[in-house]
């Protein structure tokens, strides 16, 4: 029974991770890397600075990760959460575009 519950949870997380990758990529300036984890690493296209994106999302109550390392300088990491978390993320990203 416990394994069935865990398997269901894994399926939900994977589905939400795929939704995050698809919806965020639809914005056109964040490109997802393939992921088998509970997060997606996104390349931030020129015209947007990853540190600024992370700071602006934080102001909107959305937390994503940025690693201040040369090999990850143009990337942000977005974890899969609940569907309402993805909705909030997308609303925050769209509001950044409107600025």
PDB file of N, CA and C in Angstrom:
ATOM      1  N   UNK A   1       0.823  -1.192   0.000  1.00  0.00           N
ATOM      2  CA  UNK A   1       0.000   0.000   0.000  1.00  0.00           C
ATOM      3  C   UNK A   1       0.869   1.258   0.000  1.00  0.00           C
ATOM      4  N   UNK A   2       1.885   1.283   0.829  1.00  0.00           N
ATOM      5  CA  UNK A   2       2.770   2.442   0.898  1.00  0.00           C
ATOM      6  C   UNK A   2       3.471   2.675  -0.436  1.00  0.00           C
ATOM      7  N   UNK A   3       3.881   1.591  -1.090  1.00  0.00           N
ATOM      8  CA  UNK A   3       4.520   1.736  -2.400  1.00  0.00           C
ATOM      9  C   UNK A   3       3.559   2.301  -3.430  1.00  0.00           C
ATOM     10  N   UNK A   4       2.300   1.926  -3.364  1.00  0.00           N
ATOM     11  CA  UNK A   4       1.301   2.456  -4.296  1.00  0.00           C
ATOM     12  C   UNK A   4       1.105   3.949  -4.070  1.00  0.00           C
ATOM     13  N   UNK A   5       1.091   4.366  -2.816  1.00  0.00           N
ATOM     14  CA  UNK A   5       0.953   5.801  -2.504  1.00  0.00           C
ATOM     15  C   UNK A   5       2.168   6.555  -3.017  1.00  0.00           C
ATOM     16  N   UNK A   6       3.356   6.021  -2.765  1.00  0.00           N
ATOM     17  CA  UNK A   6       4.590   6.672  -3.224  1.00  0.00           C
ATOM     18  C   UNK A   6       4.620   6.760  -4.746  1.00  0.00           C
ATOM     19  N   UNK A   7       4.217   5.698  -5.410  1.00  0.00           N
ATOM     20  CA  UNK A   7       4.199   5.702  -6.875  1.00  0.00           C
ATOM     21  C   UNK A   7       3.236   6.752  -7.401  1.00  0.00           C
ATOM     22  N   UNK A   8       2.104   6.901  -6.758  1.00  0.00           N
ATOM     23  CA  UNK A   8       1.146   7.930  -7.154  1.00  0.00           C
ATOM     24  C   UNK A   8       1.705   9.325  -6.964  1.00  0.00           C
ATOM     25  N   UNK A   9       2.412   9.528  -5.873  1.00  0.00           N
ATOM     26  CA  UNK A   9       3.032  10.824  -5.606  1.00  0.00           C
ATOM     27  C   UNK A   9       4.097  11.135  -6.660  1.00  0.00           C
ATOM     28  N   UNK A  10       4.895  10.154  -6.997  1.00  0.00           N
ATOM     29  CA  UNK A  10       5.926  10.343  -8.018  1.00  0.00           C
ATOM     30  C   UNK A  10       5.290  10.705  -9.357  1.00  0.00           C
ATOM     31  N   UNK A  11       4.204  10.033  -9.717  1.00  0.00           N
ATOM     32  CA  UNK A  11       3.510  10.349 -10.980  1.00  0.00           C
ATOM     33  C   UNK A  11       2.990  11.792 -10.969  1.00  0.00           C
ATOM     34  N   UNK A  12       2.439  12.228  -9.851  1.00  0.00           N
ATOM     35  CA  UNK A  12       1.921  13.604  -9.746  1.00  0.00           C
ATOM     36  C   UNK A  12       3.041  14.625  -9.882  1.00  0.00           C
ATOM     37  N   UNK A  13       4.154  14.371  -9.211  1.00  0.00           N
ATOM     38  CA  UNK A  13       5.291  15.296  -9.286  1.00  0.00           C
ATOM     39  C   UNK A  13       5.845  15.341 -10.714  1.00  0.00           C
ATOM     40  N   UNK A  14       5.978  14.189 -11.343  1.00  0.00           N
ATOM     41  CA  UNK A  14       6.499  14.145 -12.714  1.00  0.00           C
ATOM     42  C   UNK A  14       5.563  14.874 -13.680  1.00  0.00           C
ATOM     43  N   UNK A  15       4.270  14.702 -13.492  1.00  0.00           N
ATOM     44  CA  UNK A  15       3.300  15.391 -14.353  1.00  0.00           C
ATOM     45  C   UNK A  15       3.397  16.905 -14.167  1.00  0.00           C
ATOM     46  N   UNK A  16       3.555  17.347 -12.937  1.00  0.00           N
ATOM     47  CA  UNK A  16       3.646  18.792 -12.686  1.00  0.00           C
ATOM     48  C   UNK A  16       4.979  19.337 -13.183  1.00  0.00           C
ATOM     49  N   UNK A  17       6.046  18.565 -13.067  1.00  0.00           N
ATOM     50  CA  UNK A  17       7.351  18.975 -13.604  1.00  0.00           C
ATOM     51  C   UNK A  17       7.246  19.177 -15.113  1.00  0.00           C
ATOM     52  N   UNK A  18       6.580  18.249 -15.787  1.00  0.00           N
ATOM     53  CA  UNK A  18       6.414  18.362 -17.240  1.00  0.00           C
ATOM     54  C   UNK A  18       5.547  19.571 -17.594  1.00  0.00           C
ATOM     55  N   UNK A  19       4.534  19.837 -16.787  1.00  0.00           N
ATOM     56  CA  UNK A  19       3.688  21.011 -17.012  1.00  0.00           C
ATOM     57  C   UNK A  19       4.495  22.291 -16.841  1.00  0.00           C
ATOM     58  N   UNK A  20       5.323  22.356 -15.795  1.00  0.00           N
ATOM     59  CA  UNK A  20       6.177  23.533 -15.571  1.00  0.00           C
ATOM     60  C   UNK A  20       7.071  23.744 -16.788  1.00  0.00           C
ATOM     61  N   UNK A  21       7.733  22.684 -17.243  1.00  0.00           N
ATOM     62  CA  UNK A  21       8.631  22.806 -18.395  1.00  0.00           C
ATOM     63  C   UNK A  21       7.889  23.326 -19.620  1.00  0.00           C
ATOM     64  N   UNK A  22       6.732  22.773 -19.880  1.00  0.00           N
ATOM     65  CA  UNK A  22       5.940  23.141 -21.072  1.00  0.00           C
ATOM     66  C   UNK A  22       5.435  24.585 -20.986  1.00  0.00           C
ATOM     67  N   UNK A  23       4.839  24.945 -19.856  1.00  0.00           N
ATOM     68  CA  UNK A  23       4.244  26.281 -19.748  1.00  0.00           C
ATOM     69  C   UNK A  23       5.291  27.381 -19.669  1.00  0.00           C
ATOM     70  N   UNK A  24       6.345  27.153 -18.919  1.00  0.00           N
ATOM     71  CA  UNK A  24       7.400  28.170 -18.828  1.00  0.00           C
ATOM     72  C   UNK A  24       8.072  28.340 -20.186  1.00  0.00           C
ATOM     73  N   UNK A  25       8.332  27.244 -20.881  1.00  0.00           N
ATOM     74  CA  UNK A  25       8.951  27.326 -22.213  1.00  0.00           C
ATOM     75  C   UNK A  25       8.078  28.101 -23.185  1.00  0.00           C
ATOM     76  N   UNK A  26       6.772  28.062 -22.993  1.00  0.00           N
ATOM     77  CA  UNK A  26       5.867  28.764 -23.910  1.00  0.00           C
ATOM     78  C   UNK A  26       6.066  30.280 -23.867  1.00  0.00           C
ATOM     79  N   UNK A  27       6.719  30.779 -22.829  1.00  0.00           N
ATOM     80  CA  UNK A  27       6.994  32.214 -22.749  1.00  0.00           C
ATOM     81  C   UNK A  27       8.045  32.639 -23.774  1.00  0.00           C
ATOM     82  N   UNK A  28       8.890  31.685 -24.169  1.00  0.00           N
ATOM     83  CA  UNK A  28       9.857  31.948 -25.226  1.00  0.00           C
ATOM     84  C   UNK A  28      11.235  32.384 -24.773  1.00  0.00           C
ATOM     85  N   UNK A  29      11.412  32.807 -23.547  1.00  0.00           N
ATOM     86  CA  UNK A  29      12.725  33.285 -23.104  1.00  0.00           C
ATOM     87  C   UNK A  29      13.357  32.412 -22.025  1.00  0.00           C
ATOM     88  N   UNK A  30      12.685  31.347 -21.655  1.00  0.00           N
ATOM     89  CA  UNK A  30      13.235  30.354 -20.731  1.00  0.00           C
ATOM     90  C   UNK A  30      13.160  28.991 -21.422  1.00  0.00           C
ATOM     91  N   UNK A  31      14.307  28.370 -21.606  1.00  0.00           N
ATOM     92  CA  UNK A  31      14.368  27.100 -22.331  1.00  0.00           C
ATOM     93  C   UNK A  31      14.703  25.961 -21.369  1.00  0.00           C
ATOM     94  N   UNK A  32      13.818  24.960 -21.246  1.00  0.00           N
ATOM     95  CA  UNK A  32      14.057  23.877 -20.302  1.00  0.00           C
ATOM     96  C   UNK A  32      15.068  22.856 -20.797  1.00  0.00           C
ATOM     97  N   UNK A  33      15.820  22.320 -19.869  1.00  0.00           N
ATOM     98  CA  UNK A  33      16.660  21.172 -20.155  1.00  0.00           C
ATOM     99  C   UNK A  33      15.865  19.929 -19.770  1.00  0.00           C
ATOM    100  N   UNK A  34      16.099  18.805 -20.433  1.00  0.00           N
ATOM    101  CA  UNK A  34      15.388  17.577 -20.054  1.00  0.00           C
ATOM    102  C   UNK A  34      15.624  17.256 -18.578  1.00  0.00           C
ATOM    103  N   UNK A  35      14.596  16.748 -17.921  1.00  0.00           N
ATOM    104  CA  UNK A  35      14.700  16.474 -16.492  1.00  0.00           C
ATOM    105  C   UNK A  35      14.000  15.178 -16.128  1.00  0.00           C
ATOM    106  N   UNK A  36      14.597  14.442 -15.241  1.00  0.00           N
ATOM    107  CA  UNK A  36      14.004  13.241 -14.652  1.00  0.00           C
ATOM    108  C   UNK A  36      13.857  13.437 -13.152  1.00  0.00           C
ATOM    109  N   UNK A  37      14.044  14.651 -12.687  1.00  0.00           N
ATOM    110  CA  UNK A  37      14.027  14.963 -11.262  1.00  0.00           C
ATOM    111  C   UNK A  37      12.742  15.683 -10.893  1.00  0.00           C
ATOM    112  N   UNK A  38      12.718  16.292  -9.722  1.00  0.00           N
ATOM    113  CA  UNK A  38      11.543  17.046  -9.291  1.00  0.00           C
ATOM    114  C   UNK A  38      11.697  18.535  -9.603  1.00  0.00           C
ATOM    115  N   UNK A  39      12.629  18.867 -10.457  1.00  0.00           N
ATOM    116  CA  UNK A  39      12.848  20.254 -10.855  1.00  0.00           C
ATOM    117  C   UNK A  39      13.262  20.289 -12.314  1.00  0.00           C
ATOM    118  N   UNK A  40      13.231  21.508 -12.864  1.00  0.00           N
ATOM    119  CA  UNK A  40      13.675  21.725 -14.245  1.00  0.00           C
ATOM    120  C   UNK A  40      14.679  22.863 -14.225  1.00  0.00           C
ATOM    121  N   UNK A  41      15.771  22.678 -14.926  1.00  0.00           N
ATOM    122  CA  UNK A  41      16.764  23.726 -15.102  1.00  0.00           C
ATOM    123  C   UNK A  41      16.429  24.448 -16.401  1.00  0.00           C
ATOM    124  N   UNK A  42      16.328  25.770 -16.337  1.00  0.00           N
ATOM    125  CA  UNK A  42      15.968  26.581 -17.499  1.00  0.00           C
ATOM    126  C   UNK A  42      17.115  27.500 -17.881  1.00  0.00           C
ATOM    127  N   UNK A  43      17.437  27.519 -19.169  1.00  0.00           N
ATOM    128  CA  UNK A  43      18.379  28.510 -19.684  1.00  0.00           C
ATOM    129  C   UNK A  43      17.613  29.809 -19.871  1.00  0.00           C
ATOM    130  N   UNK A  44      18.171  30.885 -19.358  1.00  0.00           N
ATOM    131  CA  UNK A  44      17.552  32.208 -19.475  1.00  0.00           C
ATOM    132  C   UNK A  44      18.173  32.891 -20.685  1.00  0.00           C
ATOM    133  N   UNK A  45      17.343  33.145 -21.694  1.00  0.00           N
ATOM    134  CA  UNK A  45      17.831  33.747 -22.929  1.00  0.00           C
ATOM    135  C   UNK A  45      18.306  35.177 -22.697  1.00  0.00           C
ATOM    136  N   UNK A  46      19.132  35.636 -23.627  1.00  0.00           N
ATOM    137  CA  UNK A  46      19.634  37.006 -23.546  1.00  0.00           C
ATOM    138  C   UNK A  46      18.466  37.977 -23.512  1.00  0.00           C
ATOM    139  N   UNK A  47      18.696  39.073 -22.878  1.00  0.00           N
ATOM    140  CA  UNK A  47      17.624  40.037 -22.693  1.00  0.00           C
ATOM    141  C   UNK A  47      17.039  39.964 -21.290  1.00  0.00           C
ATOM    142  N   UNK A  48      17.334  38.877 -20.593  1.00  0.00           N
ATOM    143  CA  UNK A  48      16.909  38.706 -19.201  1.00  0.00           C
ATOM    144  C   UNK A  48      18.121  38.251 -18.394  1.00  0.00           C
ATOM    145  N   UNK A  49      18.292  38.843 -17.249  1.00  0.00           N
ATOM    146  CA  UNK A  49      19.377  38.417 -16.358  1.00  0.00           C
ATOM    147  C   UNK A  49      18.804  37.488 -15.295  1.00  0.00           C
ATOM    148  N   UNK A  50      19.376  36.290 -15.157  1.00  0.00           N
ATOM    149  CA  UNK A  50      18.846  35.332 -14.185  1.00  0.00           C
ATOM    150  C   UNK A  50      18.699  35.895 -12.775  1.00  0.00           C
ATOM    151  N   UNK A  51      19.704  36.633 -12.307  1.00  0.00           N
ATOM    152  CA  UNK A  51      19.625  37.206 -10.960  1.00  0.00           C
ATOM    153  C   UNK A  51      18.430  38.150 -10.833  1.00  0.00           C
ATOM    154  N   UNK A  52      18.171  38.932 -11.866  1.00  0.00           N
ATOM    155  CA  UNK A  52      17.045  39.865 -11.841  1.00  0.00           C
ATOM    156  C   UNK A  52      15.710  39.124 -11.866  1.00  0.00           C
ATOM    157  N   UNK A  53      15.647  38.047 -12.642  1.00  0.00           N
ATOM    158  CA  UNK A  53      14.419  37.242 -12.705  1.00  0.00           C
ATOM    159  C   UNK A  53      14.122  36.641 -11.339  1.00  0.00           C
ATOM    160  N   UNK A  54      15.146  36.076 -10.715  1.00  0.00           N
ATOM    161  CA  UNK A  54      14.977  35.469  -9.394  1.00  0.00           C
ATOM    162  C   UNK A  54      14.527  36.519  -8.373  1.00  0.00           C
ATOM    163  N   UNK A  55      15.146  37.689  -8.393  1.00  0.00           N
ATOM    164  CA  UNK A  55      14.778  38.758  -7.452  1.00  0.00           C
ATOM    165  C   UNK A  55      13.342  39.225  -7.681  1.00  0.00           C
ATOM    166  N   UNK A  56      12.956  39.385  -8.933  1.00  0.00           N
ATOM    167  CA  UNK A  56      11.597  39.840  -9.241  1.00  0.00           C
ATOM    168  C   UNK A  56      10.562  38.791  -8.834  1.00  0.00           C
ATOM    169  N   UNK A  57      10.872  37.524  -9.043  1.00  0.00           N
ATOM    170  CA  UNK A  57       9.945  36.467  -8.622  1.00  0.00           C
ATOM    171  C   UNK A  57       9.838  36.423  -7.099  1.00  0.00           C
ATOM    172  N   UNK A  58      10.956  36.599  -6.423  1.00  0.00           N
ATOM    173  CA  UNK A  58      10.955  36.607  -4.954  1.00  0.00           C
ATOM    174  C   UNK A  58      10.041  37.714  -4.421  1.00  0.00           C
ATOM    175  N   UNK A  59      10.101  38.890  -5.055  1.00  0.00           N
ATOM    176  CA  UNK A  59       9.224  39.997  -4.643  1.00  0.00           C
ATOM    177  C   UNK A  59       7.755  39.625  -4.792  1.00  0.00           C
ATOM    178  N   UNK A  60       7.464  38.707  -5.699  1.00  0.00           N
ATOM    179  CA  UNK A  60       6.092  38.257  -5.942  1.00  0.00           C
ATOM    180  C   UNK A  60       5.756  36.992  -5.141  1.00  0.00           C
ATOM    181  N   UNK A  61       6.663  36.610  -4.246  1.00  0.00           N
ATOM    182  CA  UNK A  61       6.420  35.464  -3.384  1.00  0.00           C
ATOM    183  C   UNK A  61       6.679  34.115  -4.015  1.00  0.00           C
ATOM    184  N   UNK A  62       7.426  34.101  -5.117  1.00  0.00           N
ATOM    185  CA  UNK A  62       7.739  32.851  -5.808  1.00  0.00           C
ATOM    186  C   UNK A  62       9.246  32.619  -5.694  1.00  0.00           C
ATOM    187  N   UNK A  63       9.604  31.470  -5.148  1.00  0.00           N
ATOM    188  CA  UNK A  63      11.016  31.167  -4.943  1.00  0.00           C
ATOM    189  C   UNK A  63      11.513  30.174  -5.979  1.00  0.00           C
ATOM    190  N   UNK A  64      12.572  30.561  -6.663  1.00  0.00           N
ATOM    191  CA  UNK A  64      13.280  29.682  -7.592  1.00  0.00           C
ATOM    192  C   UNK A  64      14.756  29.787  -7.237  1.00  0.00           C
ATOM    193  N   UNK A  65      15.563  28.906  -7.768  1.00  0.00           N
ATOM    194  CA  UNK A  65      16.981  28.877  -7.397  1.00  0.00           C
ATOM    195  C   UNK A  65      17.849  29.430  -8.511  1.00  0.00           C
ATOM    196  N   UNK A  66      18.872  30.155  -8.088  1.00  0.00           N
ATOM    197  CA  UNK A  66      19.921  30.627  -8.983  1.00  0.00           C
ATOM    198  C   UNK A  66      21.249  30.266  -8.324  1.00  0.00           C
ATOM    199  N   UNK A  67      22.141  29.702  -9.107  1.00  0.00           N
ATOM    200  CA  UNK A  67      23.452  29.332  -8.599  1.00  0.00           C
ATOM    201  C   UNK A  67      24.484  30.278  -9.183  1.00  0.00           C
ATOM    202  N   UNK A  68      25.147  31.024  -8.338  1.00  0.00           N
ATOM    203  CA  UNK A  68      26.131  32.006  -8.778  1.00  0.00           C
ATOM    204  C   UNK A  68      27.458  31.303  -9.060  1.00  0.00           C
ATOM    205  N   UNK A  69      27.439  30.518 -10.152  1.00  0.00           N
ATOM    206  CA  UNK A  69      28.614  29.762 -10.588  1.00  0.00           C
ATOM    207  C   UNK A  69      28.765  29.974 -12.087  1.00  0.00           C
ATOM    208  N   UNK A  70      29.979  30.044 -12.573  1.00  0.00           N
ATOM    209  CA  UNK A  70      30.177  30.277 -14.014  1.00  0.00           C
ATOM    210  C   UNK A  70      29.457  29.271 -14.911  1.00  0.00           C
ATOM    211  N   UNK A  71      29.437  27.994 -14.532  1.00  0.00           N
ATOM    212  CA  UNK A  71      28.827  26.986 -15.390  1.00  0.00           C
ATOM    213  C   UNK A  71      27.303  27.026 -15.360  1.00  0.00           C
ATOM    214  N   UNK A  72      26.707  27.725 -14.398  1.00  0.00           N
ATOM    215  CA  UNK A  72      25.243  27.844 -14.311  1.00  0.00           C
ATOM    216  C   UNK A  72      24.782  29.300 -14.338  1.00  0.00           C
ATOM    217  N   UNK A  73      25.635  30.179 -14.822  1.00  0.00           N
ATOM    218  CA  UNK A  73      25.363  31.618 -14.767  1.00  0.00           C
ATOM    219  C   UNK A  73      24.098  32.039 -15.496  1.00  0.00           C
ATOM    220  N   UNK A  74      23.710  31.339 -16.529  1.00  0.00           N
ATOM    221  CA  UNK A  74      22.533  31.734 -17.314  1.00  0.00           C
ATOM    222  C   UNK A  74      21.352  30.792 -17.114  1.00  0.00           C
ATOM    223  N   UNK A  75      21.279  30.190 -15.927  1.00  0.00           N
ATOM    224  CA  UNK A  75      20.233  29.217 -15.648  1.00  0.00           C
ATOM    225  C   UNK A  75      19.518  29.521 -14.335  1.00  0.00           C
ATOM    226  N   UNK A  76      18.251  29.134 -14.276  1.00  0.00           N
ATOM    227  CA  UNK A  76      17.520  29.117 -13.013  1.00  0.00           C
ATOM    228  C   UNK A  76      16.897  27.729 -12.867  1.00  0.00           C
ATOM    229  N   UNK A  77      16.676  27.349 -11.629  1.00  0.00           N
ATOM    230  CA  UNK A  77      16.096  26.039 -11.329  1.00  0.00           C
ATOM    231  C   UNK A  77      14.708  26.251 -10.738  1.00  0.00           C
ATOM    232  N   UNK A  78      13.726  25.593 -11.312  1.00  0.00           N
ATOM    233  CA  UNK A  78      12.346  25.696 -10.833  1.00  0.00           C
ATOM    234  C   UNK A  78      11.873  24.312 -10.419  1.00  0.00           C
ATOM    235  N   UNK A  79      11.472  24.187  -9.165  1.00  0.00           N
ATOM    236  CA  UNK A  79      11.000  22.903  -8.640  1.00  0.00           C
ATOM    237  C   UNK A  79       9.533  22.697  -8.966  1.00  0.00           C
ATOM    238  N   UNK A  80       9.181  21.433  -9.149  1.00  0.00           N
ATOM    239  CA  UNK A  80       7.773  21.073  -9.338  1.00  0.00           C
ATOM    240  C   UNK A  80       7.092  21.098  -7.979  1.00  0.00           C
ATOM    241  N   UNK A  81       5.898  21.626  -7.949  1.00  0.00           N
ATOM    242  CA  UNK A  81       5.119  21.666  -6.720  1.00  0.00           C
ATOM    243  C   UNK A  81       3.689  21.263  -7.005  1.00  0.00           C
ATOM    244  N   UNK A  82       2.803  21.900  -6.298  1.00  0.00           N
ATOM    245  CA  UNK A  82       1.373  21.642  -6.517  1.00  0.00           C
ATOM    246  C   UNK A  82       0.910  22.427  -7.744  1.00  0.00           C
ATOM    247  N   UNK A  83      -0.188  22.023  -8.360  1.00  0.00           N
ATOM    248  CA  UNK A  83      -0.688  22.765  -9.527  1.00  0.00           C
ATOM    249  C   UNK A  83      -0.901  24.251  -9.232  1.00  0.00           C
ATOM    250  N   UNK A  84      -1.375  24.583  -8.051  1.00  0.00           N
ATOM    251  CA  UNK A  84      -1.580  25.999  -7.717  1.00  0.00           C
ATOM    252  C   UNK A  84      -0.255  26.749  -7.608  1.00  0.00           C
ATOM    253  N   UNK A  85       0.836  26.042  -7.275  1.00  0.00           N
ATOM    254  CA  UNK A  85       2.157  26.677  -7.254  1.00  0.00           C
ATOM    255  C   UNK A  85       2.592  27.016  -8.678  1.00  0.00           C
ATOM    256  N   UNK A  86       2.322  26.114  -9.604  1.00  0.00           N
ATOM    257  CA  UNK A  86       2.654  26.373 -11.013  1.00  0.00           C
ATOM    258  C   UNK A  86       1.823  27.533 -11.542  1.00  0.00           C
ATOM    259  N   UNK A  87       0.559  27.591 -11.171  1.00  0.00           N
ATOM    260  CA  UNK A  87      -0.288  28.710 -11.597  1.00  0.00           C
ATOM    261  C   UNK A  87       0.272  30.034 -11.093  1.00  0.00           C
ATOM    262  N   UNK A  88       0.705  30.044  -9.847  1.00  0.00           N
ATOM    263  CA  UNK A  88       1.271  31.268  -9.252  1.00  0.00           C
ATOM    264  C   UNK A  88       2.584  31.643  -9.944  1.00  0.00           C
ATOM    265  N   UNK A  89       3.419  30.653 -10.220  1.00  0.00           N
ATOM    266  CA  UNK A  89       4.664  30.888 -10.944  1.00  0.00           C
ATOM    267  C   UNK A  89       4.386  31.522 -12.298  1.00  0.00           C
ATOM    268  N   UNK A  90       3.444  30.949 -13.036  1.00  0.00           N
ATOM    269  CA  UNK A  90       3.144  31.466 -14.371  1.00  0.00           C
ATOM    270  C   UNK A  90       2.583  32.883 -14.306  1.00  0.00           C
ATOM    271  N   UNK A  91       1.746  33.150 -13.346  1.00  0.00           N
ATOM    272  CA  UNK A  91       1.215  34.515 -13.192  1.00  0.00           C
ATOM    273  C   UNK A  91       2.353  35.497 -12.916  1.00  0.00           C
ATOM    274  N   UNK A  92       3.294  35.094 -12.062  1.00  0.00           N
ATOM    275  CA  UNK A  92       4.425  35.962 -11.740  1.00  0.00           C
ATOM    276  C   UNK A  92       5.317  36.173 -12.958  1.00  0.00           C
ATOM    277  N   UNK A  93       5.588  35.123 -13.713  1.00  0.00           N
ATOM    278  CA  UNK A  93       6.416  35.266 -14.911  1.00  0.00           C
ATOM    279  C   UNK A  93       5.736  36.151 -15.946  1.00  0.00           C
ATOM    280  N   UNK A  94       4.438  36.003 -16.106  1.00  0.00           N
ATOM    281  CA  UNK A  94       3.714  36.854 -17.062  1.00  0.00           C
ATOM    282  C   UNK A  94       3.732  38.310 -16.625  1.00  0.00           C
ATOM    283  N   UNK A  95       3.678  38.545 -15.324  1.00  0.00           N
ATOM    284  CA  UNK A  95       3.717  39.934 -14.854  1.00  0.00           C
ATOM    285  C   UNK A  95       5.093  40.546 -15.109  1.00  0.00           C
ATOM    286  N   UNK A  96       6.137  39.718 -15.087  1.00  0.00           N
ATOM    287  CA  UNK A  96       7.482  40.219 -15.425  1.00  0.00           C
ATOM    288  C   UNK A  96       7.535  40.666 -16.887  1.00  0.00           C
ATOM    289  N   UNK A  97       6.884  39.911 -17.736  1.00  0.00           N
ATOM    290  CA  UNK A  97       6.867  40.255 -19.161  1.00  0.00           C
ATOM    291  C   UNK A  97       6.135  41.567 -19.406  1.00  0.00           C
ATOM    292  N   UNK A  98       5.140  41.847 -18.573  1.00  0.00           N
ATOM    293  CA  UNK A  98       4.329  43.046 -18.753  1.00  0.00           C
ATOM    294  C   UNK A  98       5.066  44.314 -18.313  1.00  0.00           C
ATOM    295  N   UNK A  99       6.145  44.154 -17.574  1.00  0.00           N
ATOM    296  CA  UNK A  99       6.893  45.337 -17.085  1.00  0.00           C
ATOM    297  C   UNK A  99       7.685  46.000 -18.174  1.00  0.00           C
TER     298      UNK A  99
END
